[in-house]
Amino acid sequence: MKKRILILILILFAVTAAITAIYLGSREKTKAGDLRIKTDSEELTVSIDNLPLSGISGEVKNQKGEIKKIDAEGYSLSDIPALTGVVDYSEISVFSDDEYHAVLSKDELSDHERAWIIKDEDMLRLIVFGDKDSKRNVKNVVRIEIR
């Protein structure tokens, strides 16, 4: 009986390892500092270094209520649709490399100072000012979807 259980565990482990390898091998890779922007009709890749960055500063609050000061250069998320020529959209989703994402509505982005894509060391990061906690501050941003 113990041999059967051990064999079953080893088979499950092997299947899990195989599925993980397939998944990790199929994920799209994005070069550091690059951002893939998807719309219904197209997809383009832009480098944050090629965008006109603005200086930003402010504070964000985490779930514990701790305040973190932000002082960086970034690109306003509300300006991203213009890069693709999209004017009619309802929301923008910002995805990290592990598929964690945050959604911001067009109404929220009417304040051009609210959400920013900043370069934080070797990665891109979404910063949303004015949220009660920082759940929508996404690290390792690789993709933006405009819907």
N, C-alpha and C. Protein backbone atom coordinates (compact mmCIF):
# COMPACT_ATOMS: atom_id res chain seq x y z
N MET A 1 0.82 -1.20 0.00
CA MET A 1 0.00 0.00 0.00
C MET A 1 0.87 1.26 0.00
N LYS A 2 1.95 1.27 0.80
CA LYS A 2 2.82 2.44 0.87
C LYS A 2 3.53 2.66 -0.46
N LYS A 3 3.87 1.56 -1.17
CA LYS A 3 4.52 1.69 -2.47
C LYS A 3 3.59 2.36 -3.48
N ARG A 4 2.33 2.00 -3.47
CA ARG A 4 1.36 2.59 -4.40
C ARG A 4 1.20 4.09 -4.14
N ILE A 5 1.13 4.46 -2.89
CA ILE A 5 0.99 5.87 -2.54
C ILE A 5 2.24 6.64 -2.98
N LEU A 6 3.40 6.07 -2.75
CA LEU A 6 4.65 6.72 -3.15
C LEU A 6 4.71 6.86 -4.67
N ILE A 7 4.33 5.82 -5.39
CA ILE A 7 4.33 5.88 -6.85
C ILE A 7 3.33 6.94 -7.34
N LEU A 8 2.15 6.99 -6.74
CA LEU A 8 1.16 7.99 -7.11
C LEU A 8 1.68 9.40 -6.87
N ILE A 9 2.33 9.63 -5.75
CA ILE A 9 2.90 10.94 -5.43
C ILE A 9 3.97 11.31 -6.45
N LEU A 10 4.84 10.36 -6.81
CA LEU A 10 5.87 10.64 -7.80
C LEU A 10 5.28 10.96 -9.17
N ILE A 11 4.22 10.26 -9.56
CA ILE A 11 3.56 10.53 -10.84
C ILE A 11 2.95 11.92 -10.82
N LEU A 12 2.26 12.28 -9.74
CA LEU A 12 1.66 13.61 -9.62
C LEU A 12 2.73 14.71 -9.66
N PHE A 13 3.84 14.45 -8.99
CA PHE A 13 4.95 15.41 -9.00
C PHE A 13 5.50 15.58 -10.42
N ALA A 14 5.67 14.49 -11.15
CA ALA A 14 6.19 14.55 -12.52
C ALA A 14 5.23 15.30 -13.44
N VAL A 15 3.93 15.05 -13.30
CA VAL A 15 2.93 15.74 -14.12
C VAL A 15 2.94 17.24 -13.80
N THR A 16 3.00 17.58 -12.53
CA THR A 16 3.05 18.98 -12.12
C THR A 16 4.29 19.68 -12.68
N ALA A 17 5.44 19.01 -12.61
CA ALA A 17 6.68 19.58 -13.14
C ALA A 17 6.59 19.79 -14.65
N ALA A 18 6.00 18.84 -15.36
CA ALA A 18 5.86 18.95 -16.81
C ALA A 18 4.94 20.12 -17.18
N ILE A 19 3.82 20.24 -16.49
CA ILE A 19 2.88 21.34 -16.77
C ILE A 19 3.53 22.68 -16.47
N THR A 20 4.27 22.77 -15.38
CA THR A 20 4.97 24.01 -15.02
C THR A 20 5.99 24.39 -16.08
N ALA A 21 6.76 23.42 -16.56
CA ALA A 21 7.76 23.69 -17.59
C ALA A 21 7.10 24.18 -18.88
N ILE A 22 5.99 23.57 -19.26
CA ILE A 22 5.28 23.99 -20.47
C ILE A 22 4.76 25.42 -20.30
N TYR A 23 4.16 25.71 -19.15
CA TYR A 23 3.62 27.04 -18.90
C TYR A 23 4.72 28.10 -18.92
N LEU A 24 5.81 27.85 -18.20
CA LEU A 24 6.88 28.84 -18.14
C LEU A 24 7.55 29.04 -19.50
N GLY A 25 7.63 27.98 -20.28
CA GLY A 25 8.23 28.09 -21.61
C GLY A 25 7.35 28.82 -22.60
N SER A 26 6.05 28.85 -22.36
CA SER A 26 5.12 29.48 -23.31
C SER A 26 4.84 30.95 -22.99
N ARG A 27 5.27 31.43 -21.82
CA ARG A 27 5.03 32.82 -21.46
C ARG A 27 5.84 33.75 -22.35
N GLU A 28 5.22 34.85 -22.75
CA GLU A 28 5.91 35.83 -23.59
C GLU A 28 6.93 36.58 -22.76
N LYS A 29 8.09 36.75 -23.32
CA LYS A 29 9.17 37.47 -22.64
C LYS A 29 9.17 38.92 -23.10
N THR A 30 9.42 39.82 -22.18
CA THR A 30 9.52 41.24 -22.49
C THR A 30 10.85 41.74 -21.97
N LYS A 31 11.57 42.45 -22.81
CA LYS A 31 12.86 43.00 -22.43
C LYS A 31 12.66 44.05 -21.33
N ALA A 32 13.59 44.14 -20.40
CA ALA A 32 13.51 45.13 -19.31
C ALA A 32 13.36 46.53 -19.90
N GLY A 33 12.40 47.28 -19.41
CA GLY A 33 12.14 48.63 -19.88
C GLY A 33 11.18 48.72 -21.04
N ASP A 34 10.79 47.55 -21.59
CA ASP A 34 9.82 47.53 -22.68
C ASP A 34 8.42 47.28 -22.16
N LEU A 35 7.46 47.75 -22.90
CA LEU A 35 6.06 47.66 -22.53
C LEU A 35 5.25 47.25 -23.75
N ARG A 36 4.51 46.14 -23.63
CA ARG A 36 3.64 45.71 -24.73
C ARG A 36 2.26 46.33 -24.51
N ILE A 37 1.74 46.96 -25.53
CA ILE A 37 0.42 47.60 -25.44
C ILE A 37 -0.50 46.89 -26.42
N LYS A 38 -1.60 46.34 -25.89
CA LYS A 38 -2.55 45.60 -26.71
C LYS A 38 -3.88 46.35 -26.78
N THR A 39 -4.42 46.38 -28.00
CA THR A 39 -5.77 46.89 -28.21
C THR A 39 -6.54 45.79 -28.92
N ASP A 40 -7.80 46.05 -29.25
CA ASP A 40 -8.58 45.06 -29.99
C ASP A 40 -7.99 44.78 -31.36
N SER A 41 -7.32 45.75 -31.94
CA SER A 41 -6.87 45.59 -33.33
C SER A 41 -5.37 45.46 -33.50
N GLU A 42 -4.57 45.79 -32.50
CA GLU A 42 -3.13 45.72 -32.69
C GLU A 42 -2.39 45.52 -31.38
N GLU A 43 -1.10 45.23 -31.52
CA GLU A 43 -0.21 45.14 -30.38
C GLU A 43 1.11 45.79 -30.78
N LEU A 44 1.63 46.64 -29.89
CA LEU A 44 2.91 47.25 -30.17
C LEU A 44 3.77 47.24 -28.93
N THR A 45 5.06 47.33 -29.14
CA THR A 45 6.01 47.35 -28.03
C THR A 45 6.73 48.68 -28.05
N VAL A 46 6.77 49.33 -26.89
CA VAL A 46 7.48 50.60 -26.76
C VAL A 46 8.48 50.49 -25.61
N SER A 47 9.54 51.23 -25.73
CA SER A 47 10.53 51.31 -24.66
C SER A 47 10.23 52.54 -23.83
N ILE A 48 10.23 52.39 -22.54
CA ILE A 48 9.96 53.53 -21.65
C ILE A 48 11.01 54.63 -21.87
N ASP A 49 12.21 54.25 -22.29
CA ASP A 49 13.27 55.22 -22.52
C ASP A 49 13.01 56.11 -23.73
N ASN A 50 12.12 55.66 -24.64
CA ASN A 50 11.81 56.44 -25.84
C ASN A 50 10.59 57.35 -25.65
N LEU A 51 9.98 57.33 -24.47
CA LEU A 51 8.80 58.15 -24.20
C LEU A 51 9.22 59.43 -23.49
N PRO A 52 8.48 60.52 -23.70
CA PRO A 52 8.80 61.77 -22.99
C PRO A 52 8.37 61.66 -21.52
N LEU A 53 9.33 61.41 -20.65
CA LEU A 53 9.04 61.20 -19.23
C LEU A 53 8.91 62.52 -18.50
N SER A 54 8.06 62.52 -17.48
CA SER A 54 7.86 63.69 -16.63
C SER A 54 8.29 63.35 -15.22
N GLY A 55 8.75 64.34 -14.51
CA GLY A 55 9.07 64.14 -13.10
C GLY A 55 7.80 64.05 -12.27
N ILE A 56 7.73 63.08 -11.41
CA ILE A 56 6.55 62.93 -10.54
C ILE A 56 7.01 62.77 -9.10
N SER A 57 6.17 63.22 -8.20
CA SER A 57 6.43 63.00 -6.78
C SER A 57 5.09 62.97 -6.07
N GLY A 58 5.05 62.19 -5.04
CA GLY A 58 3.83 62.05 -4.26
C GLY A 58 3.99 60.94 -3.24
N GLU A 59 2.87 60.56 -2.67
CA GLU A 59 2.88 59.52 -1.64
C GLU A 59 1.82 58.48 -1.96
N VAL A 60 2.14 57.22 -1.65
CA VAL A 60 1.18 56.13 -1.74
C VAL A 60 1.14 55.44 -0.39
N LYS A 61 -0.02 54.86 -0.09
CA LYS A 61 -0.22 54.20 1.19
C LYS A 61 -0.43 52.72 0.96
N ASN A 62 0.23 51.87 1.77
CA ASN A 62 0.04 50.43 1.64
C ASN A 62 -1.09 49.96 2.55
N GLN A 63 -1.34 48.64 2.55
CA GLN A 63 -2.45 48.08 3.33
C GLN A 63 -2.29 48.31 4.83
N LYS A 64 -1.05 48.44 5.28
CA LYS A 64 -0.80 48.66 6.71
C LYS A 64 -0.93 50.13 7.10
N GLY A 65 -1.17 50.98 6.11
CA GLY A 65 -1.29 52.40 6.38
C GLY A 65 0.03 53.13 6.32
N GLU A 66 1.11 52.42 5.98
CA GLU A 66 2.42 53.04 5.87
C GLU A 66 2.49 53.86 4.59
N ILE A 67 3.10 55.03 4.69
CA ILE A 67 3.19 55.93 3.55
C ILE A 67 4.59 55.81 2.94
N LYS A 68 4.60 55.69 1.60
CA LYS A 68 5.86 55.62 0.87
C LYS A 68 5.93 56.81 -0.06
N LYS A 69 7.05 57.51 -0.02
CA LYS A 69 7.25 58.66 -0.90
C LYS A 69 7.75 58.17 -2.26
N ILE A 70 7.18 58.74 -3.31
CA ILE A 70 7.57 58.43 -4.68
C ILE A 70 8.19 59.68 -5.29
N ASP A 71 9.38 59.54 -5.82
CA ASP A 71 10.05 60.63 -6.51
C ASP A 71 10.77 59.98 -7.69
N ALA A 72 10.19 60.09 -8.88
CA ALA A 72 10.71 59.36 -10.04
C ALA A 72 10.33 60.08 -11.32
N GLU A 73 10.76 59.50 -12.43
CA GLU A 73 10.32 59.96 -13.74
C GLU A 73 9.38 58.91 -14.30
N GLY A 74 8.32 59.36 -14.95
CA GLY A 74 7.36 58.41 -15.47
C GLY A 74 6.56 58.95 -16.64
N TYR A 75 5.65 58.10 -17.09
CA TYR A 75 4.78 58.42 -18.22
C TYR A 75 3.35 58.21 -17.75
N SER A 76 2.51 59.21 -17.94
CA SER A 76 1.14 59.15 -17.46
C SER A 76 0.38 58.02 -18.16
N LEU A 77 -0.29 57.18 -17.40
CA LEU A 77 -1.06 56.08 -17.97
C LEU A 77 -2.18 56.60 -18.86
N SER A 78 -2.69 57.78 -18.57
CA SER A 78 -3.77 58.33 -19.39
C SER A 78 -3.30 58.69 -20.80
N ASP A 79 -1.98 58.79 -21.02
CA ASP A 79 -1.44 59.09 -22.34
C ASP A 79 -1.15 57.84 -23.17
N ILE A 80 -1.23 56.66 -22.57
CA ILE A 80 -0.93 55.41 -23.27
C ILE A 80 -1.85 55.17 -24.47
N PRO A 81 -3.18 55.35 -24.36
CA PRO A 81 -4.03 55.09 -25.54
C PRO A 81 -3.64 55.91 -26.76
N ALA A 82 -3.14 57.12 -26.56
CA ALA A 82 -2.74 57.96 -27.69
C ALA A 82 -1.60 57.34 -28.48
N LEU A 83 -0.77 56.52 -27.83
CA LEU A 83 0.33 55.86 -28.54
C LEU A 83 -0.18 54.91 -29.60
N THR A 84 -1.38 54.39 -29.42
CA THR A 84 -1.97 53.44 -30.37
C THR A 84 -3.04 54.08 -31.24
N GLY A 85 -3.38 55.33 -30.95
CA GLY A 85 -4.42 56.01 -31.70
C GLY A 85 -5.82 55.73 -31.18
N VAL A 86 -5.94 55.04 -30.06
CA VAL A 86 -7.24 54.72 -29.48
C VAL A 86 -7.76 55.93 -28.71
N VAL A 87 -9.01 56.32 -29.00
CA VAL A 87 -9.64 57.41 -28.26
C VAL A 87 -10.88 56.93 -27.51
N ASP A 88 -11.49 55.88 -28.00
CA ASP A 88 -12.70 55.36 -27.39
C ASP A 88 -12.39 54.06 -26.66
N TYR A 89 -12.32 54.13 -25.33
CA TYR A 89 -12.06 52.95 -24.50
C TYR A 89 -12.78 53.14 -23.17
N SER A 90 -12.96 52.05 -22.44
CA SER A 90 -13.64 52.16 -21.15
C SER A 90 -12.71 51.90 -19.97
N GLU A 91 -11.65 51.10 -20.21
CA GLU A 91 -10.74 50.80 -19.11
C GLU A 91 -9.39 50.39 -19.66
N ILE A 92 -8.40 50.47 -18.77
CA ILE A 92 -7.04 50.03 -19.08
C ILE A 92 -6.64 49.05 -17.99
N SER A 93 -6.12 47.89 -18.40
CA SER A 93 -5.59 46.89 -17.47
C SER A 93 -4.08 46.87 -17.60
N VAL A 94 -3.40 46.89 -16.45
CA VAL A 94 -1.94 46.89 -16.42
C VAL A 94 -1.51 45.57 -15.78
N PHE A 95 -0.70 44.79 -16.52
CA PHE A 95 -0.31 43.44 -16.10
C PHE A 95 1.17 43.37 -15.74
N SER A 96 1.46 42.60 -14.69
CA SER A 96 2.85 42.31 -14.34
C SER A 96 3.28 41.04 -15.06
N ASP A 97 4.55 40.69 -14.90
CA ASP A 97 5.07 39.50 -15.57
C ASP A 97 4.47 38.21 -15.03
N ASP A 98 3.87 38.24 -13.84
CA ASP A 98 3.22 37.04 -13.30
C ASP A 98 1.69 37.10 -13.44
N GLU A 99 1.20 38.01 -14.31
CA GLU A 99 -0.21 38.18 -14.65
C GLU A 99 -1.05 38.87 -13.57
N TYR A 100 -0.43 39.33 -12.49
CA TYR A 100 -1.16 40.18 -11.54
C TYR A 100 -1.53 41.45 -12.31
N HIS A 101 -2.72 41.97 -12.09
CA HIS A 101 -3.09 43.16 -12.84
C HIS A 101 -4.00 44.09 -12.04
N ALA A 102 -4.01 45.31 -12.51
CA ALA A 102 -4.87 46.34 -11.94
C ALA A 102 -5.66 46.96 -13.08
N VAL A 103 -6.90 47.35 -12.78
CA VAL A 103 -7.77 47.93 -13.79
C VAL A 103 -8.10 49.36 -13.37
N LEU A 104 -7.98 50.27 -14.33
CA LEU A 104 -8.36 51.66 -14.11
C LEU A 104 -9.35 52.07 -15.18
N SER A 105 -10.40 52.74 -14.76
CA SER A 105 -11.43 53.18 -15.72
C SER A 105 -10.99 54.46 -16.43
N LYS A 106 -11.64 54.73 -17.55
CA LYS A 106 -11.35 55.96 -18.30
C LYS A 106 -11.64 57.18 -17.44
N ASP A 107 -12.70 57.11 -16.63
CA ASP A 107 -13.04 58.23 -15.76
C ASP A 107 -11.92 58.51 -14.76
N GLU A 108 -11.34 57.45 -14.18
CA GLU A 108 -10.24 57.64 -13.24
C GLU A 108 -9.04 58.29 -13.92
N LEU A 109 -8.84 57.95 -15.18
CA LEU A 109 -7.68 58.46 -15.91
C LEU A 109 -7.89 59.86 -16.47
N SER A 110 -9.09 60.44 -16.26
CA SER A 110 -9.30 61.82 -16.70
C SER A 110 -8.41 62.76 -15.89
N ASP A 111 -8.01 62.35 -14.69
CA ASP A 111 -7.01 63.08 -13.91
C ASP A 111 -5.64 62.56 -14.37
N HIS A 112 -4.95 63.34 -15.19
CA HIS A 112 -3.69 62.90 -15.79
C HIS A 112 -2.57 62.71 -14.77
N GLU A 113 -2.77 63.16 -13.56
CA GLU A 113 -1.75 63.03 -12.52
C GLU A 113 -1.98 61.82 -11.62
N ARG A 114 -2.99 61.00 -11.89
CA ARG A 114 -3.38 59.92 -10.99
C ARG A 114 -2.53 58.65 -11.14
N ALA A 115 -2.33 58.18 -12.36
CA ALA A 115 -1.65 56.90 -12.57
C ALA A 115 -0.45 57.08 -13.50
N TRP A 116 0.66 56.47 -13.11
CA TRP A 116 1.92 56.64 -13.84
C TRP A 116 2.61 55.30 -14.02
N ILE A 117 3.29 55.15 -15.16
CA ILE A 117 4.22 54.05 -15.36
C ILE A 117 5.61 54.65 -15.12
N ILE A 118 6.31 54.12 -14.12
CA ILE A 118 7.65 54.64 -13.81
C ILE A 118 8.68 53.54 -14.00
N LYS A 119 9.90 53.96 -14.20
CA LYS A 119 11.01 53.02 -14.27
C LYS A 119 11.60 52.93 -12.88
N ASP A 120 11.55 51.75 -12.31
CA ASP A 120 12.02 51.51 -10.94
C ASP A 120 13.14 50.48 -11.03
N GLU A 121 14.38 50.97 -11.03
CA GLU A 121 15.56 50.15 -11.26
C GLU A 121 15.46 49.52 -12.65
N ASP A 122 15.43 48.19 -12.75
CA ASP A 122 15.39 47.54 -14.07
C ASP A 122 13.98 47.13 -14.48
N MET A 123 12.97 47.57 -13.75
CA MET A 123 11.61 47.16 -14.08
C MET A 123 10.70 48.37 -14.19
N LEU A 124 9.53 48.12 -14.78
CA LEU A 124 8.50 49.16 -14.85
C LEU A 124 7.49 48.92 -13.75
N ARG A 125 6.89 50.01 -13.30
CA ARG A 125 5.96 49.92 -12.18
C ARG A 125 4.80 50.88 -12.39
N LEU A 126 3.59 50.42 -12.06
CA LEU A 126 2.42 51.28 -12.07
C LEU A 126 2.26 51.88 -10.68
N ILE A 127 2.13 53.19 -10.63
CA ILE A 127 1.85 53.90 -9.38
C ILE A 127 0.51 54.60 -9.54
N VAL A 128 -0.41 54.37 -8.59
CA VAL A 128 -1.72 55.01 -8.62
C VAL A 128 -1.82 55.88 -7.36
N PHE A 129 -1.83 57.18 -7.57
CA PHE A 129 -1.97 58.10 -6.44
C PHE A 129 -3.44 58.23 -6.07
N GLY A 130 -3.70 58.39 -4.77
CA GLY A 130 -5.06 58.63 -4.31
C GLY A 130 -5.81 57.40 -3.86
N ASP A 131 -5.26 56.20 -4.05
CA ASP A 131 -5.91 54.99 -3.55
C ASP A 131 -5.71 54.89 -2.04
N LYS A 132 -6.68 54.27 -1.36
CA LYS A 132 -6.57 54.10 0.09
C LYS A 132 -5.46 53.13 0.46
N ASP A 133 -5.19 52.14 -0.40
CA ASP A 133 -4.02 51.29 -0.22
C ASP A 133 -3.42 51.00 -1.59
N SER A 134 -2.27 50.38 -1.60
CA SER A 134 -1.50 50.27 -2.84
C SER A 134 -1.74 48.98 -3.62
N LYS A 135 -2.94 48.43 -3.57
CA LYS A 135 -3.22 47.18 -4.29
C LYS A 135 -3.05 47.34 -5.79
N ARG A 136 -3.29 48.52 -6.30
CA ARG A 136 -3.18 48.72 -7.74
C ARG A 136 -1.80 49.21 -8.16
N ASN A 137 -0.86 49.27 -7.26
CA ASN A 137 0.52 49.59 -7.63
C ASN A 137 1.19 48.29 -8.04
N VAL A 138 1.38 48.13 -9.34
CA VAL A 138 1.84 46.86 -9.92
C VAL A 138 3.32 46.94 -10.22
N LYS A 139 4.09 45.96 -9.74
CA LYS A 139 5.53 45.86 -10.03
C LYS A 139 5.74 44.98 -11.25
N ASN A 140 6.87 45.15 -11.89
CA ASN A 140 7.26 44.35 -13.06
C ASN A 140 6.22 44.42 -14.17
N VAL A 141 5.77 45.61 -14.50
CA VAL A 141 4.77 45.79 -15.56
C VAL A 141 5.38 45.40 -16.91
N VAL A 142 4.65 44.57 -17.65
CA VAL A 142 5.12 44.15 -18.98
C VAL A 142 4.07 44.38 -20.07
N ARG A 143 2.79 44.52 -19.67
CA ARG A 143 1.73 44.62 -20.68
C ARG A 143 0.61 45.54 -20.21
N ILE A 144 0.05 46.27 -21.18
CA ILE A 144 -1.12 47.10 -20.93
C ILE A 144 -2.16 46.74 -21.98
N GLU A 145 -3.38 46.48 -21.53
CA GLU A 145 -4.48 46.18 -22.44
C GLU A 145 -5.51 47.30 -22.36
N ILE A 146 -5.86 47.81 -23.52
CA ILE A 146 -6.83 48.90 -23.61
C ILE A 146 -8.13 48.31 -24.13
N ARG A 147 -9.21 48.46 -23.38
CA ARG A 147 -10.52 47.92 -23.79
C ARG A 147 -11.55 49.01 -23.86
